Full PDB file with SEQRES, HELIX, SHEET, SSBOND, CRYST1, ORIGX, SCALE, CONECT and MASTER records, all heavy atoms in Angstrom:
SEQRES   1 A   32  ASP LEU ILE ALA LEU TYR ASP TYR GLY GLU ALA GLU ILE          
SEQRES   2 A   32  LYS ALA PHE TRP THR LEU PHE LEU LYS ASN THR LYS ASP          
SEQRES   3 A   32  LEU ALA SER PHE PRO LYS                                      
HELIX    1 AA1 LEU A    2  TYR A    6  1                                   5    
HELIX    2 AA2 GLU A   10  ALA A   28  1                                  19    
CRYST1    1.000    1.000    1.000  90.00  90.00  90.00 P 1           1          
ORIGX1      1.000000  0.000000  0.000000        0.00000                         
ORIGX2      0.000000  1.000000  0.000000        0.00000                         
ORIGX3      0.000000  0.000000  1.000000        0.00000                         
SCALE1      1.000000  0.000000  0.000000        0.00000                         
SCALE2      0.000000  1.000000  0.000000        0.00000                         
SCALE3      0.000000  0.000000  1.000000        0.00000                         
ATOM      1  N   ASP A   1       0.864  -1.140  -0.016  1.00  0.00           N  
ATOM      2  CA  ASP A   1      -0.038  -0.046  -0.018  1.00  0.00           C  
ATOM      3  C   ASP A   1       0.871   1.198  -0.006  1.00  0.00           C  
ATOM      4  O   ASP A   1       1.264   1.743   1.041  1.00  0.00           O  
ATOM      5  CB  ASP A   1      -0.885  -0.030   1.240  1.00  0.00           C  
ATOM      6  CG  ASP A   1      -1.947   1.159   1.198  1.00  0.00           C  
ATOM      7  OD1 ASP A   1      -1.721   2.073   0.414  1.00  0.00           O  
ATOM      8  OD2 ASP A   1      -2.905   1.087   2.017  1.00  0.00           O  
ATOM      9  N   LEU A   2       1.277   1.675  -1.206  1.00  0.00           N  
ATOM     10  CA  LEU A   2       2.203   2.800  -1.262  1.00  0.00           C  
ATOM     11  C   LEU A   2       1.587   4.100  -0.757  1.00  0.00           C  
ATOM     12  O   LEU A   2       2.388   4.971  -0.214  1.00  0.00           O  
ATOM     13  CB  LEU A   2       2.542   3.032  -2.804  1.00  0.00           C  
ATOM     14  CG  LEU A   2       3.313   1.859  -3.472  1.00  0.00           C  
ATOM     15  CD1 LEU A   2       3.550   2.205  -4.902  1.00  0.00           C  
ATOM     16  CD2 LEU A   2       4.598   1.552  -2.680  1.00  0.00           C  
ATOM     17  N   ILE A   3       0.318   4.252  -0.745  1.00  0.00           N  
ATOM     18  CA  ILE A   3      -0.325   5.454  -0.182  1.00  0.00           C  
ATOM     19  C   ILE A   3      -0.065   5.469   1.319  1.00  0.00           C  
ATOM     20  O   ILE A   3       0.315   6.551   1.838  1.00  0.00           O  
ATOM     21  CB  ILE A   3      -1.832   5.523  -0.474  1.00  0.00           C  
ATOM     22  CG1 ILE A   3      -2.134   5.557  -1.958  1.00  0.00           C  
ATOM     23  CG2 ILE A   3      -2.505   6.624   0.250  1.00  0.00           C  
ATOM     24  CD1 ILE A   3      -3.526   5.472  -2.387  1.00  0.00           C  
ATOM     25  N   ALA A   4      -0.219   4.405   2.031  1.00  0.00           N  
ATOM     26  CA  ALA A   4       0.031   4.316   3.451  1.00  0.00           C  
ATOM     27  C   ALA A   4       1.492   4.410   3.767  1.00  0.00           C  
ATOM     28  O   ALA A   4       1.955   5.148   4.627  1.00  0.00           O  
ATOM     29  CB  ALA A   4      -0.550   3.042   4.056  1.00  0.00           C  
ATOM     30  N   LEU A   5       2.332   3.615   3.008  1.00  0.00           N  
ATOM     31  CA  LEU A   5       3.740   3.498   3.331  1.00  0.00           C  
ATOM     32  C   LEU A   5       4.487   4.817   3.030  1.00  0.00           C  
ATOM     33  O   LEU A   5       5.485   5.162   3.660  1.00  0.00           O  
ATOM     34  CB  LEU A   5       4.335   2.466   2.475  1.00  0.00           C  
ATOM     35  CG  LEU A   5       4.427   0.999   3.121  1.00  0.00           C  
ATOM     36  CD1 LEU A   5       3.084   0.524   3.547  1.00  0.00           C  
ATOM     37  CD2 LEU A   5       5.180   0.023   2.208  1.00  0.00           C  
ATOM     38  N   TYR A   6       4.007   5.584   2.101  1.00  0.00           N  
ATOM     39  CA  TYR A   6       4.664   6.868   1.723  1.00  0.00           C  
ATOM     40  C   TYR A   6       4.715   7.789   2.922  1.00  0.00           C  
ATOM     41  O   TYR A   6       5.687   8.580   3.102  1.00  0.00           O  
ATOM     42  CB  TYR A   6       3.912   7.571   0.634  1.00  0.00           C  
ATOM     43  CG  TYR A   6       4.534   8.812   0.047  1.00  0.00           C  
ATOM     44  CD1 TYR A   6       5.527   8.686  -0.947  1.00  0.00           C  
ATOM     45  CD2 TYR A   6       4.242  10.042   0.559  1.00  0.00           C  
ATOM     46  CE1 TYR A   6       6.147   9.794  -1.467  1.00  0.00           C  
ATOM     47  CE2 TYR A   6       4.812  11.198   0.003  1.00  0.00           C  
ATOM     48  CZ  TYR A   6       5.817  11.058  -0.968  1.00  0.00           C  
ATOM     49  OH  TYR A   6       6.442  12.151  -1.486  1.00  0.00           O  
ATOM     50  N   ASP A   7       3.746   7.737   3.839  1.00  0.00           N  
ATOM     51  CA  ASP A   7       3.736   8.689   4.973  1.00  0.00           C  
ATOM     52  C   ASP A   7       4.353   8.047   6.215  1.00  0.00           C  
ATOM     53  O   ASP A   7       4.413   8.667   7.277  1.00  0.00           O  
ATOM     54  CB  ASP A   7       2.246   9.009   5.310  1.00  0.00           C  
ATOM     55  CG  ASP A   7       1.691   9.888   4.256  1.00  0.00           C  
ATOM     56  OD1 ASP A   7       2.374  10.707   3.652  1.00  0.00           O  
ATOM     57  OD2 ASP A   7       0.384   9.880   4.003  1.00  0.00           O  
ATOM     58  N   TYR A   8       4.926   6.788   6.123  1.00  0.00           N  
ATOM     59  CA  TYR A   8       5.619   6.231   7.253  1.00  0.00           C  
ATOM     60  C   TYR A   8       6.864   7.039   7.549  1.00  0.00           C  
ATOM     61  O   TYR A   8       7.601   7.525   6.651  1.00  0.00           O  
ATOM     62  CB  TYR A   8       6.014   4.749   6.969  1.00  0.00           C  
ATOM     63  CG  TYR A   8       4.891   3.767   7.108  1.00  0.00           C  
ATOM     64  CD1 TYR A   8       3.590   4.134   7.229  1.00  0.00           C  
ATOM     65  CD2 TYR A   8       5.184   2.353   7.099  1.00  0.00           C  
ATOM     66  CE1 TYR A   8       2.556   3.192   7.347  1.00  0.00           C  
ATOM     67  CE2 TYR A   8       4.140   1.434   7.200  1.00  0.00           C  
ATOM     68  CZ  TYR A   8       2.844   1.876   7.354  1.00  0.00           C  
ATOM     69  OH  TYR A   8       1.897   0.932   7.446  1.00  0.00           O  
ATOM     70  N   GLY A   9       7.186   7.170   8.870  1.00  0.00           N  
ATOM     71  CA  GLY A   9       8.402   7.726   9.216  1.00  0.00           C  
ATOM     72  C   GLY A   9       9.621   6.798   9.080  1.00  0.00           C  
ATOM     73  O   GLY A   9       9.364   5.611   8.710  1.00  0.00           O  
ATOM     74  N   GLU A  10      10.784   7.234   9.434  1.00  0.00           N  
ATOM     75  CA  GLU A  10      11.948   6.425   9.262  1.00  0.00           C  
ATOM     76  C   GLU A  10      11.914   5.116  10.089  1.00  0.00           C  
ATOM     77  O   GLU A  10      12.177   4.054   9.551  1.00  0.00           O  
ATOM     78  CB  GLU A  10      13.191   7.191   9.650  1.00  0.00           C  
ATOM     79  CG  GLU A  10      13.561   8.311   8.677  1.00  0.00           C  
ATOM     80  CD  GLU A  10      14.938   9.010   9.030  1.00  0.00           C  
ATOM     81  OE1 GLU A  10      15.671   8.435   9.786  1.00  0.00           O  
ATOM     82  OE2 GLU A  10      15.150  10.059   8.512  1.00  0.00           O  
ATOM     83  N   ALA A  11      11.511   5.179  11.331  1.00  0.00           N  
ATOM     84  CA  ALA A  11      11.407   3.986  12.225  1.00  0.00           C  
ATOM     85  C   ALA A  11      10.290   3.077  11.663  1.00  0.00           C  
ATOM     86  O   ALA A  11      10.489   1.843  11.638  1.00  0.00           O  
ATOM     87  CB  ALA A  11      11.173   4.438  13.657  1.00  0.00           C  
ATOM     88  N   GLU A  12       9.140   3.662  11.201  1.00  0.00           N  
ATOM     89  CA  GLU A  12       8.013   2.847  10.716  1.00  0.00           C  
ATOM     90  C   GLU A  12       8.378   2.109   9.466  1.00  0.00           C  
ATOM     91  O   GLU A  12       8.083   0.901   9.399  1.00  0.00           O  
ATOM     92  CB  GLU A  12       6.840   3.725  10.497  1.00  0.00           C  
ATOM     93  CG  GLU A  12       6.183   4.320  11.745  1.00  0.00           C  
ATOM     94  CD  GLU A  12       5.004   5.237  11.407  1.00  0.00           C  
ATOM     95  OE1 GLU A  12       5.305   6.312  10.765  1.00  0.00           O  
ATOM     96  OE2 GLU A  12       3.820   4.947  11.707  1.00  0.00           O  
ATOM     97  N   ILE A  13       9.034   2.777   8.540  1.00  0.00           N  
ATOM     98  CA  ILE A  13       9.268   2.123   7.255  1.00  0.00           C  
ATOM     99  C   ILE A  13      10.390   1.058   7.457  1.00  0.00           C  
ATOM    100  O   ILE A  13      10.373  -0.022   6.779  1.00  0.00           O  
ATOM    101  CB  ILE A  13       9.683   3.101   6.181  1.00  0.00           C  
ATOM    102  CG1 ILE A  13       9.513   2.525   4.820  1.00  0.00           C  
ATOM    103  CG2 ILE A  13      11.070   3.659   6.366  1.00  0.00           C  
ATOM    104  CD1 ILE A  13       8.167   2.074   4.391  1.00  0.00           C  
ATOM    105  N   LYS A  14      11.309   1.320   8.341  1.00  0.00           N  
ATOM    106  CA  LYS A  14      12.360   0.271   8.611  1.00  0.00           C  
ATOM    107  C   LYS A  14      11.717  -1.007   9.243  1.00  0.00           C  
ATOM    108  O   LYS A  14      12.032  -2.065   8.907  1.00  0.00           O  
ATOM    109  CB  LYS A  14      13.452   0.811   9.524  1.00  0.00           C  
ATOM    110  CG  LYS A  14      14.514  -0.192   9.793  1.00  0.00           C  
ATOM    111  CD  LYS A  14      15.699   0.428  10.632  1.00  0.00           C  
ATOM    112  CE  LYS A  14      16.772  -0.620  10.797  1.00  0.00           C  
ATOM    113  NZ  LYS A  14      17.940   0.001  11.516  1.00  0.00           N  
ATOM    114  N   ALA A  15      10.778  -0.768  10.209  1.00  0.00           N  
ATOM    115  CA  ALA A  15      10.095  -1.871  10.814  1.00  0.00           C  
ATOM    116  C   ALA A  15       9.282  -2.560   9.791  1.00  0.00           C  
ATOM    117  O   ALA A  15       9.230  -3.866   9.833  1.00  0.00           O  
ATOM    118  CB  ALA A  15       9.225  -1.330  12.016  1.00  0.00           C  
ATOM    119  N   PHE A  16       8.626  -1.853   8.916  1.00  0.00           N  
ATOM    120  CA  PHE A  16       7.831  -2.541   7.811  1.00  0.00           C  
ATOM    121  C   PHE A  16       8.711  -3.456   6.967  1.00  0.00           C  
ATOM    122  O   PHE A  16       8.333  -4.575   6.726  1.00  0.00           O  
ATOM    123  CB  PHE A  16       7.176  -1.454   6.977  1.00  0.00           C  
ATOM    124  CG  PHE A  16       6.398  -2.125   5.841  1.00  0.00           C  
ATOM    125  CD1 PHE A  16       5.065  -2.544   6.030  1.00  0.00           C  
ATOM    126  CD2 PHE A  16       6.989  -2.313   4.541  1.00  0.00           C  
ATOM    127  CE1 PHE A  16       4.421  -3.186   4.923  1.00  0.00           C  
ATOM    128  CE2 PHE A  16       6.299  -2.900   3.504  1.00  0.00           C  
ATOM    129  CZ  PHE A  16       5.009  -3.434   3.745  1.00  0.00           C  
ATOM    130  N   TRP A  17       9.824  -2.924   6.441  1.00  0.00           N  
ATOM    131  CA  TRP A  17      10.636  -3.734   5.573  1.00  0.00           C  
ATOM    132  C   TRP A  17      11.324  -4.944   6.317  1.00  0.00           C  
ATOM    133  O   TRP A  17      11.485  -6.022   5.724  1.00  0.00           O  
ATOM    134  CB  TRP A  17      11.765  -2.885   4.882  1.00  0.00           C  
ATOM    135  CG  TRP A  17      11.180  -2.090   3.776  1.00  0.00           C  
ATOM    136  CD1 TRP A  17      11.020  -0.717   3.659  1.00  0.00           C  
ATOM    137  CD2 TRP A  17      10.701  -2.552   2.501  1.00  0.00           C  
ATOM    138  NE1 TRP A  17      10.499  -0.354   2.529  1.00  0.00           N  
ATOM    139  CE2 TRP A  17      10.270  -1.505   1.727  1.00  0.00           C  
ATOM    140  CE3 TRP A  17      10.657  -3.858   1.987  1.00  0.00           C  
ATOM    141  CZ2 TRP A  17       9.777  -1.590   0.433  1.00  0.00           C  
ATOM    142  CZ3 TRP A  17      10.076  -3.994   0.648  1.00  0.00           C  
ATOM    143  CH2 TRP A  17       9.673  -2.834  -0.079  1.00  0.00           C  
ATOM    144  N   THR A  18      11.607  -4.732   7.582  1.00  0.00           N  
ATOM    145  CA  THR A  18      12.147  -5.796   8.391  1.00  0.00           C  
ATOM    146  C   THR A  18      11.158  -6.922   8.509  1.00  0.00           C  
ATOM    147  O   THR A  18      11.444  -8.074   8.313  1.00  0.00           O  
ATOM    148  CB  THR A  18      12.562  -5.298   9.791  1.00  0.00           C  
ATOM    149  OG1 THR A  18      13.537  -4.278   9.643  1.00  0.00           O  
ATOM    150  CG2 THR A  18      13.102  -6.471  10.615  1.00  0.00           C  
ATOM    151  N   LEU A  19       9.926  -6.570   8.793  1.00  0.00           N  
ATOM    152  CA  LEU A  19       8.910  -7.575   8.915  1.00  0.00           C  
ATOM    153  C   LEU A  19       8.486  -8.155   7.593  1.00  0.00           C  
ATOM    154  O   LEU A  19       8.166  -9.319   7.470  1.00  0.00           O  
ATOM    155  CB  LEU A  19       7.615  -6.913   9.549  1.00  0.00           C  
ATOM    156  CG  LEU A  19       6.392  -7.915   9.807  1.00  0.00           C  
ATOM    157  CD1 LEU A  19       6.922  -9.059  10.714  1.00  0.00           C  
ATOM    158  CD2 LEU A  19       5.212  -7.165  10.478  1.00  0.00           C  
ATOM    159  N   PHE A  20       8.534  -7.326   6.544  1.00  0.00           N  
ATOM    160  CA  PHE A  20       8.225  -7.902   5.171  1.00  0.00           C  
ATOM    161  C   PHE A  20       9.204  -9.012   4.825  1.00  0.00           C  
ATOM    162  O   PHE A  20       8.763 -10.091   4.325  1.00  0.00           O  
ATOM    163  CB  PHE A  20       8.261  -6.780   4.148  1.00  0.00           C  
ATOM    164  CG  PHE A  20       7.994  -7.275   2.730  1.00  0.00           C  
ATOM    165  CD1 PHE A  20       6.610  -7.245   2.313  1.00  0.00           C  
ATOM    166  CD2 PHE A  20       8.934  -7.662   1.804  1.00  0.00           C  
ATOM    167  CE1 PHE A  20       6.286  -7.728   1.045  1.00  0.00           C  
ATOM    168  CE2 PHE A  20       8.590  -8.062   0.523  1.00  0.00           C  
ATOM    169  CZ  PHE A  20       7.311  -8.068   0.178  1.00  0.00           C  
ATOM    170  N   LEU A  21      10.502  -8.797   5.027  1.00  0.00           N  
ATOM    171  CA  LEU A  21      11.485  -9.856   4.645  1.00  0.00           C  
ATOM    172  C   LEU A  21      11.370 -11.019   5.645  1.00  0.00           C  
ATOM    173  O   LEU A  21      11.547 -12.179   5.222  1.00  0.00           O  
ATOM    174  CB  LEU A  21      12.910  -9.282   4.688  1.00  0.00           C  
ATOM    175  CG  LEU A  21      13.210  -8.260   3.638  1.00  0.00           C  
ATOM    176  CD1 LEU A  21      14.582  -7.707   3.784  1.00  0.00           C  
ATOM    177  CD2 LEU A  21      12.932  -8.793   2.241  1.00  0.00           C  
ATOM    178  N   LYS A  22      11.071 -10.795   6.886  1.00  0.00           N  
ATOM    179  CA  LYS A  22      10.831 -11.861   7.886  1.00  0.00           C  
ATOM    180  C   LYS A  22       9.609 -12.683   7.438  1.00  0.00           C  
ATOM    181  O   LYS A  22       9.623 -13.936   7.472  1.00  0.00           O  
ATOM    182  CB  LYS A  22      10.652 -11.353   9.277  1.00  0.00           C  
ATOM    183  CG  LYS A  22      10.343 -12.440  10.312  1.00  0.00           C  
ATOM    184  CD  LYS A  22      10.067 -11.859  11.683  1.00  0.00           C  
ATOM    185  CE  LYS A  22       9.934 -12.969  12.715  1.00  0.00           C  
ATOM    186  NZ  LYS A  22       8.819 -13.905  12.457  1.00  0.00           N  
ATOM    187  N   ASN A  23       8.515 -11.996   7.064  1.00  0.00           N  
ATOM    188  CA  ASN A  23       7.307 -12.697   6.711  1.00  0.00           C  
ATOM    189  C   ASN A  23       7.530 -13.559   5.451  1.00  0.00           C  
ATOM    190  O   ASN A  23       7.007 -14.692   5.359  1.00  0.00           O  
ATOM    191  CB  ASN A  23       6.245 -11.702   6.440  1.00  0.00           C  
ATOM    192  CG  ASN A  23       4.843 -12.363   6.217  1.00  0.00           C  
ATOM    193  OD1 ASN A  23       4.296 -12.890   7.159  1.00  0.00           O  
ATOM    194  ND2 ASN A  23       4.330 -12.284   5.031  1.00  0.00           N  
ATOM    195  N   THR A  24       8.372 -13.083   4.470  1.00  0.00           N  
ATOM    196  CA  THR A  24       8.754 -13.847   3.321  1.00  0.00           C  
ATOM    197  C   THR A  24       9.465 -15.046   3.664  1.00  0.00           C  
ATOM    198  O   THR A  24       9.133 -16.189   3.204  1.00  0.00           O  
ATOM    199  CB  THR A  24       9.540 -12.986   2.376  1.00  0.00           C  
ATOM    200  OG1 THR A  24       8.872 -11.778   1.974  1.00  0.00           O  
ATOM    201  CG2 THR A  24       9.888 -13.734   1.105  1.00  0.00           C  
ATOM    202  N   LYS A  25      10.414 -14.986   4.531  1.00  0.00           N  
ATOM    203  CA  LYS A  25      11.169 -16.185   5.038  1.00  0.00           C  
ATOM    204  C   LYS A  25      10.223 -17.105   5.764  1.00  0.00           C  
ATOM    205  O   LYS A  25      10.310 -18.320   5.527  1.00  0.00           O  
ATOM    206  CB  LYS A  25      12.267 -15.719   5.944  1.00  0.00           C  
ATOM    207  CG  LYS A  25      13.097 -16.880   6.572  1.00  0.00           C  
ATOM    208  CD  LYS A  25      14.114 -16.354   7.561  1.00  0.00           C  
ATOM    209  CE  LYS A  25      13.564 -15.749   8.756  1.00  0.00           C  
ATOM    210  NZ  LYS A  25      12.886 -16.721   9.659  1.00  0.00           N  
ATOM    211  N   ASP A  26       9.362 -16.633   6.648  1.00  0.00           N  
ATOM    212  CA  ASP A  26       8.535 -17.507   7.469  1.00  0.00           C  
ATOM    213  C   ASP A  26       7.494 -18.222   6.545  1.00  0.00           C  
ATOM    214  O   ASP A  26       7.211 -19.388   6.787  1.00  0.00           O  
ATOM    215  CB  ASP A  26       7.799 -16.676   8.490  1.00  0.00           C  
ATOM    216  CG  ASP A  26       8.690 -16.176   9.644  1.00  0.00           C  
ATOM    217  OD1 ASP A  26       9.864 -16.690   9.716  1.00  0.00           O  
ATOM    218  OD2 ASP A  26       8.282 -15.317  10.426  1.00  0.00           O  
ATOM    219  N   LEU A  27       6.955 -17.487   5.483  1.00  0.00           N  
ATOM    220  CA  LEU A  27       6.058 -18.156   4.608  1.00  0.00           C  
ATOM    221  C   LEU A  27       6.738 -19.218   3.834  1.00  0.00           C  
ATOM    222  O   LEU A  27       6.197 -20.309   3.536  1.00  0.00           O  
ATOM    223  CB  LEU A  27       5.385 -17.187   3.704  1.00  0.00           C  
ATOM    224  CG  LEU A  27       4.129 -16.355   4.214  1.00  0.00           C  
ATOM    225  CD1 LEU A  27       3.743 -15.268   3.217  1.00  0.00           C  
ATOM    226  CD2 LEU A  27       2.972 -17.344   4.418  1.00  0.00           C  
ATOM    227  N   ALA A  28       7.918 -18.901   3.204  1.00  0.00           N  
ATOM    228  CA  ALA A  28       8.671 -19.831   2.420  1.00  0.00           C  
ATOM    229  C   ALA A  28       9.083 -21.089   3.228  1.00  0.00           C  
ATOM    230  O   ALA A  28       9.249 -22.173   2.625  1.00  0.00           O  
ATOM    231  CB  ALA A  28       9.868 -19.098   1.740  1.00  0.00           C  
ATOM    232  N   SER A  29       9.298 -20.910   4.490  1.00  0.00           N  
ATOM    233  CA  SER A  29       9.797 -22.075   5.317  1.00  0.00           C  
ATOM    234  C   SER A  29       8.678 -22.705   6.099  1.00  0.00           C  
ATOM    235  O   SER A  29       8.952 -23.571   6.896  1.00  0.00           O  
ATOM    236  CB  SER A  29      10.892 -21.548   6.307  1.00  0.00           C  
ATOM    237  OG  SER A  29      10.411 -20.556   7.111  1.00  0.00           O  
ATOM    238  N   PHE A  30       7.459 -22.281   5.786  1.00  0.00           N  
ATOM    239  CA  PHE A  30       6.290 -22.872   6.420  1.00  0.00           C  
ATOM    240  C   PHE A  30       6.229 -24.393   6.091  1.00  0.00           C  
ATOM    241  O   PHE A  30       6.204 -24.717   4.883  1.00  0.00           O  
ATOM    242  CB  PHE A  30       5.005 -22.163   5.965  1.00  0.00           C  
ATOM    243  CG  PHE A  30       3.741 -22.666   6.605  1.00  0.00           C  
ATOM    244  CD1 PHE A  30       3.476 -22.294   7.922  1.00  0.00           C  
ATOM    245  CD2 PHE A  30       2.848 -23.430   5.935  1.00  0.00           C  
ATOM    246  CE1 PHE A  30       2.244 -22.692   8.542  1.00  0.00           C  
ATOM    247  CE2 PHE A  30       1.632 -23.803   6.523  1.00  0.00           C  
ATOM    248  CZ  PHE A  30       1.375 -23.470   7.826  1.00  0.00           C  
ATOM    249  N   PRO A  31       6.267 -25.233   7.067  1.00  0.00           N  
ATOM    250  CA  PRO A  31       6.436 -26.693   6.673  1.00  0.00           C  
ATOM    251  C   PRO A  31       5.231 -27.434   6.066  1.00  0.00           C  
ATOM    252  O   PRO A  31       5.366 -28.372   5.346  1.00  0.00           O  
ATOM    253  CB  PRO A  31       6.764 -27.318   8.073  1.00  0.00           C  
ATOM    254  CG  PRO A  31       6.195 -26.398   9.084  1.00  0.00           C  
ATOM    255  CD  PRO A  31       6.253 -25.081   8.461  1.00  0.00           C  
ATOM    256  N   LYS A  32       3.963 -26.921   6.399  1.00  0.00           N  
ATOM    257  CA  LYS A  32       2.856 -27.597   5.899  1.00  0.00           C  
ATOM    258  C   LYS A  32       2.486 -27.173   4.481  1.00  0.00           C  
ATOM    259  O   LYS A  32       2.991 -26.078   4.004  1.00  0.00           O  
ATOM    260  CB  LYS A  32       1.673 -27.256   6.827  1.00  0.00           C  
ATOM    261  CG  LYS A  32       1.919 -27.703   8.293  1.00  0.00           C  
ATOM    262  CD  LYS A  32       0.824 -27.291   9.229  1.00  0.00           C  
ATOM    263  CE  LYS A  32       1.121 -27.682  10.617  1.00  0.00           C  
ATOM    264  NZ  LYS A  32       0.004 -27.327  11.553  1.00  0.00           N  
TER     265      LYS A  32                                                      
MASTER        0    0    0    2    0    0    0    6  264    1    0    3          
END                                                                             
């Protein structure tokens, strides 16, 4: 959601990208 993310501050956007990459890893390594 670029409209929402555009207004994120520095800490918020860093937290978002950190979780985005973590979520990608967690989904890809989901065993079921």
